[in-house]
């Protein structure tokens, strides 16, 4: 089956686009051995992330089964998840 994006671990709340994806497109997201459909509310470039489901401001962003950041704004399902709505939690001396 064709996959437009992947989510590495079942608990991840973001997926990574495997190609440029258009707004309003229904992306087929590979999760484990299966796929789930996600309707995009934003265009998402190849290699960028989008929310698999609604993420609330302050929630951890999970990718590869690891916390990679925190949502600074609510991120609806299918929205581009990037620097405009996520702050990094890695390599920051102010969080030590």
N, C-alpha and C. Protein backbone atom coordinates (compact mmCIF):
# COMPACT_ATOMS: atom_id res chain seq x y z
N UNK A 1 0.84 -1.19 0.00
CA UNK A 1 0.00 0.00 0.00
C UNK A 1 0.88 1.25 0.00
N UNK A 2 0.45 2.25 -0.73
CA UNK A 2 1.16 3.53 -0.82
C UNK A 2 1.12 4.25 0.53
N UNK A 3 2.26 4.77 0.93
CA UNK A 3 2.34 5.56 2.17
C UNK A 3 2.85 6.95 1.82
N UNK A 4 2.13 7.96 2.27
CA UNK A 4 2.51 9.35 2.02
C UNK A 4 3.36 9.92 3.14
N UNK A 5 3.27 9.26 4.31
CA UNK A 5 3.99 9.72 5.50
C UNK A 5 4.18 8.52 6.42
N UNK A 6 5.10 8.66 7.37
CA UNK A 6 5.33 7.58 8.33
C UNK A 6 5.37 8.11 9.75
N UNK A 7 4.96 7.24 10.64
CA UNK A 7 5.09 7.45 12.07
C UNK A 7 5.82 6.21 12.58
N UNK A 8 6.95 6.40 13.20
CA UNK A 8 7.82 5.27 13.54
C UNK A 8 7.26 4.40 14.66
N UNK A 9 6.77 5.02 15.71
CA UNK A 9 6.24 4.28 16.86
C UNK A 9 4.74 4.51 16.99
N UNK A 10 4.02 3.52 17.47
CA UNK A 10 2.56 3.61 17.59
C UNK A 10 2.13 4.78 18.46
N UNK A 11 2.90 5.18 19.45
CA UNK A 11 2.52 6.27 20.35
C UNK A 11 2.89 7.66 19.86
N UNK A 12 3.57 7.75 18.72
CA UNK A 12 3.95 9.07 18.19
C UNK A 12 2.70 9.90 17.89
N UNK A 13 2.81 11.22 18.07
CA UNK A 13 1.68 12.08 17.75
C UNK A 13 1.93 12.95 16.52
N UNK A 14 3.08 12.75 15.88
CA UNK A 14 3.38 13.41 14.60
C UNK A 14 3.86 12.36 13.60
N UNK A 15 3.67 12.68 12.33
CA UNK A 15 4.16 11.84 11.24
C UNK A 15 5.08 12.69 10.37
N UNK A 16 5.93 12.04 9.60
CA UNK A 16 6.85 12.72 8.70
C UNK A 16 6.42 12.49 7.26
N UNK A 17 6.30 13.57 6.49
CA UNK A 17 5.89 13.49 5.08
C UNK A 17 6.99 12.85 4.24
N UNK A 18 6.61 11.89 3.42
CA UNK A 18 7.55 11.22 2.51
C UNK A 18 7.59 11.89 1.14
N UNK A 19 6.74 12.89 0.96
CA UNK A 19 6.70 13.70 -0.26
C UNK A 19 5.96 14.99 0.09
N UNK A 20 6.00 15.97 -0.79
CA UNK A 20 5.21 17.18 -0.57
C UNK A 20 3.73 16.80 -0.55
N UNK A 21 3.01 17.30 0.45
CA UNK A 21 1.59 16.99 0.62
C UNK A 21 0.79 18.28 0.55
N UNK A 22 -0.36 18.22 -0.09
CA UNK A 22 -1.19 19.41 -0.30
C UNK A 22 -2.24 19.56 0.80
N UNK A 23 -2.61 20.81 1.05
CA UNK A 23 -3.71 21.10 1.98
C UNK A 23 -4.97 20.38 1.47
N UNK A 24 -5.75 19.84 2.39
CA UNK A 24 -6.98 19.11 2.12
C UNK A 24 -6.76 17.71 1.55
N UNK A 25 -5.52 17.33 1.31
CA UNK A 25 -5.21 15.97 0.85
C UNK A 25 -5.41 14.99 1.99
N UNK A 26 -5.87 13.79 1.68
CA UNK A 26 -5.94 12.73 2.68
C UNK A 26 -4.67 11.91 2.53
N UNK A 27 -3.79 12.03 3.52
CA UNK A 27 -2.51 11.32 3.49
C UNK A 27 -2.67 9.94 4.12
N UNK A 28 -2.04 8.96 3.49
CA UNK A 28 -1.99 7.61 4.03
C UNK A 28 -0.72 7.51 4.88
N UNK A 29 -0.90 7.39 6.19
CA UNK A 29 0.23 7.40 7.12
C UNK A 29 0.54 5.99 7.59
N UNK A 30 1.75 5.55 7.33
CA UNK A 30 2.18 4.24 7.80
C UNK A 30 2.47 4.30 9.28
N UNK A 31 1.79 3.45 10.04
CA UNK A 31 2.01 3.33 11.48
C UNK A 31 2.17 1.84 11.76
N UNK A 32 3.41 1.44 12.06
CA UNK A 32 3.66 0.01 12.23
C UNK A 32 3.41 -0.71 10.92
N UNK A 33 2.65 -1.79 10.97
CA UNK A 33 2.34 -2.56 9.77
C UNK A 33 1.10 -2.06 9.04
N UNK A 34 0.40 -1.08 9.63
CA UNK A 34 -0.83 -0.59 9.03
C UNK A 34 -0.70 0.83 8.52
N UNK A 35 -1.84 1.36 8.10
CA UNK A 35 -1.90 2.76 7.67
C UNK A 35 -3.15 3.40 8.26
N UNK A 36 -3.07 4.71 8.46
CA UNK A 36 -4.22 5.48 8.91
C UNK A 36 -4.34 6.72 8.01
N UNK A 37 -5.58 7.13 7.70
CA UNK A 37 -5.75 8.34 6.89
C UNK A 37 -5.76 9.58 7.77
N UNK A 38 -5.11 10.64 7.32
CA UNK A 38 -5.13 11.93 8.01
C UNK A 38 -5.38 13.01 6.95
N UNK A 39 -6.40 13.81 7.15
CA UNK A 39 -6.69 14.92 6.24
C UNK A 39 -5.85 16.12 6.66
N UNK A 40 -5.06 16.63 5.72
CA UNK A 40 -4.16 17.73 6.02
C UNK A 40 -4.90 19.06 6.01
N UNK A 41 -4.65 19.87 7.01
CA UNK A 41 -5.24 21.21 7.07
C UNK A 41 -4.24 22.26 6.60
N UNK A 42 -3.00 21.84 6.39
CA UNK A 42 -1.93 22.69 5.85
C UNK A 42 -1.19 21.89 4.78
N UNK A 43 -0.54 22.59 3.87
CA UNK A 43 0.43 21.93 2.99
C UNK A 43 1.64 21.57 3.85
N UNK A 44 2.22 20.41 3.59
CA UNK A 44 3.37 19.94 4.37
C UNK A 44 4.45 19.49 3.39
N UNK A 45 5.63 20.08 3.51
CA UNK A 45 6.74 19.75 2.62
C UNK A 45 7.37 18.41 3.00
N UNK A 46 8.00 17.77 2.01
CA UNK A 46 8.75 16.54 2.22
C UNK A 46 9.68 16.69 3.43
N UNK A 47 9.64 15.70 4.31
CA UNK A 47 10.52 15.69 5.47
C UNK A 47 10.00 16.45 6.68
N UNK A 48 8.93 17.20 6.50
CA UNK A 48 8.36 17.94 7.62
C UNK A 48 7.31 17.10 8.35
N UNK A 49 6.96 17.55 9.55
CA UNK A 49 6.03 16.82 10.40
C UNK A 49 4.63 17.44 10.35
N UNK A 50 3.64 16.59 10.65
CA UNK A 50 2.28 17.07 10.86
C UNK A 50 1.64 16.25 11.98
N UNK A 51 0.63 16.84 12.60
CA UNK A 51 -0.03 16.20 13.74
C UNK A 51 -0.92 15.06 13.26
N UNK A 52 -0.82 13.93 13.95
CA UNK A 52 -1.67 12.78 13.65
C UNK A 52 -3.05 12.93 14.27
N UNK A 53 -3.11 13.65 15.36
CA UNK A 53 -4.37 13.94 16.06
C UNK A 53 -4.19 15.28 16.76
N UNK A 54 -5.25 15.82 17.32
CA UNK A 54 -5.15 17.11 17.99
C UNK A 54 -4.12 17.05 19.12
N UNK A 55 -3.26 18.06 19.16
CA UNK A 55 -2.24 18.18 20.21
C UNK A 55 -2.49 19.52 20.91
N UNK A 56 -2.56 19.50 22.20
CA UNK A 56 -2.82 20.72 22.99
C UNK A 56 -1.52 21.45 23.30
N UNK A 57 -1.58 22.76 23.42
CA UNK A 57 -0.43 23.56 23.84
C UNK A 57 0.09 22.99 25.16
N UNK A 58 1.39 22.81 25.24
CA UNK A 58 2.02 22.25 26.44
C UNK A 58 2.24 20.75 26.37
N UNK A 59 1.59 20.06 25.42
CA UNK A 59 1.79 18.61 25.27
C UNK A 59 3.16 18.32 24.68
N UNK A 60 3.71 17.18 25.05
CA UNK A 60 4.96 16.71 24.44
C UNK A 60 4.71 16.32 22.99
N UNK A 61 5.72 16.54 22.15
CA UNK A 61 5.70 16.09 20.77
C UNK A 61 6.51 14.80 20.73
N UNK A 62 5.88 13.73 20.28
CA UNK A 62 6.52 12.41 20.26
C UNK A 62 6.81 11.98 18.83
N UNK A 63 8.08 11.69 18.57
CA UNK A 63 8.54 11.19 17.28
C UNK A 63 9.60 10.15 17.58
N UNK A 64 9.59 9.05 16.87
CA UNK A 64 10.51 7.92 17.12
C UNK A 64 10.31 7.35 18.52
N UNK A 65 9.15 7.57 19.11
CA UNK A 65 8.90 7.10 20.47
C UNK A 65 9.59 7.94 21.53
N UNK A 66 10.13 9.09 21.13
CA UNK A 66 10.87 9.97 22.03
C UNK A 66 10.23 11.36 22.05
N UNK A 67 10.36 12.05 23.17
CA UNK A 67 9.92 13.44 23.25
C UNK A 67 10.96 14.29 22.52
N UNK A 68 10.52 15.01 21.49
CA UNK A 68 11.45 15.86 20.73
C UNK A 68 11.16 17.34 20.92
N UNK A 69 10.06 17.65 21.59
CA UNK A 69 9.71 19.04 21.80
C UNK A 69 8.39 19.15 22.54
N UNK A 70 7.90 20.40 22.61
CA UNK A 70 6.65 20.68 23.30
C UNK A 70 5.83 21.64 22.43
N UNK A 71 4.54 21.39 22.36
CA UNK A 71 3.65 22.26 21.59
C UNK A 71 3.52 23.61 22.28
N UNK A 72 3.74 24.68 21.54
CA UNK A 72 3.58 26.03 22.09
C UNK A 72 2.19 26.58 21.80
N UNK A 73 1.48 25.95 20.88
CA UNK A 73 0.11 26.30 20.51
C UNK A 73 -0.66 25.01 20.32
N UNK A 74 -1.98 25.08 20.33
CA UNK A 74 -2.77 23.92 19.94
C UNK A 74 -2.44 23.60 18.48
N UNK A 75 -2.29 22.31 18.18
CA UNK A 75 -1.99 21.87 16.81
C UNK A 75 -3.08 20.88 16.41
N UNK A 76 -3.97 21.28 15.53
CA UNK A 76 -5.04 20.35 15.13
C UNK A 76 -4.50 19.21 14.27
N UNK A 77 -5.22 18.11 14.26
CA UNK A 77 -4.86 16.97 13.41
C UNK A 77 -4.69 17.44 11.98
N UNK A 78 -3.60 17.00 11.33
CA UNK A 78 -3.34 17.36 9.95
C UNK A 78 -2.61 18.67 9.75
N UNK A 79 -2.31 19.38 10.84
CA UNK A 79 -1.61 20.67 10.74
C UNK A 79 -0.10 20.47 10.72
N UNK A 80 0.59 21.34 10.00
CA UNK A 80 2.05 21.35 9.95
C UNK A 80 2.59 21.55 11.36
N UNK A 81 3.48 20.70 11.79
CA UNK A 81 4.07 20.79 13.13
C UNK A 81 5.54 21.14 12.96
N UNK A 82 5.88 22.39 13.28
CA UNK A 82 7.24 22.88 13.02
C UNK A 82 7.54 24.00 14.01
N UNK A 83 8.51 24.84 13.71
CA UNK A 83 8.96 25.88 14.63
C UNK A 83 7.88 26.89 15.00
N UNK A 84 6.84 27.03 14.20
CA UNK A 84 5.78 27.98 14.50
C UNK A 84 4.89 27.52 15.64
N UNK A 85 4.94 26.22 15.99
CA UNK A 85 4.06 25.71 17.05
C UNK A 85 4.72 24.66 17.95
N UNK A 86 6.03 24.48 17.81
CA UNK A 86 6.78 23.54 18.65
C UNK A 86 8.07 24.21 19.12
N UNK A 87 8.40 24.00 20.41
CA UNK A 87 9.72 24.42 20.89
C UNK A 87 10.53 23.17 21.17
N UNK A 88 11.81 23.23 20.82
CA UNK A 88 12.70 22.10 21.02
C UNK A 88 13.01 21.94 22.51
N UNK A 89 13.18 20.71 22.93
CA UNK A 89 13.58 20.42 24.32
C UNK A 89 14.96 19.78 24.34
N UNK A 90 15.63 19.71 23.23
CA UNK A 90 16.94 19.06 23.13
C UNK A 90 18.06 20.08 23.01
N UNK A 91 19.13 19.85 23.73
CA UNK A 91 20.32 20.69 23.62
C UNK A 91 20.14 22.09 24.17
N UNK A 92 19.16 22.27 25.05
CA UNK A 92 18.92 23.60 25.62
C UNK A 92 19.50 23.68 27.00
N UNK A 93 20.44 24.55 27.20
CA UNK A 93 21.05 24.72 28.51
C UNK A 93 20.12 25.30 29.55
N UNK A 94 19.07 25.98 29.11
CA UNK A 94 18.14 26.61 30.07
C UNK A 94 17.19 25.60 30.69
N UNK A 95 17.18 24.37 30.22
CA UNK A 95 16.29 23.34 30.78
C UNK A 95 17.02 22.31 31.62
N UNK A 96 18.29 22.55 31.88
CA UNK A 96 19.11 21.57 32.62
C UNK A 96 18.69 21.35 34.01
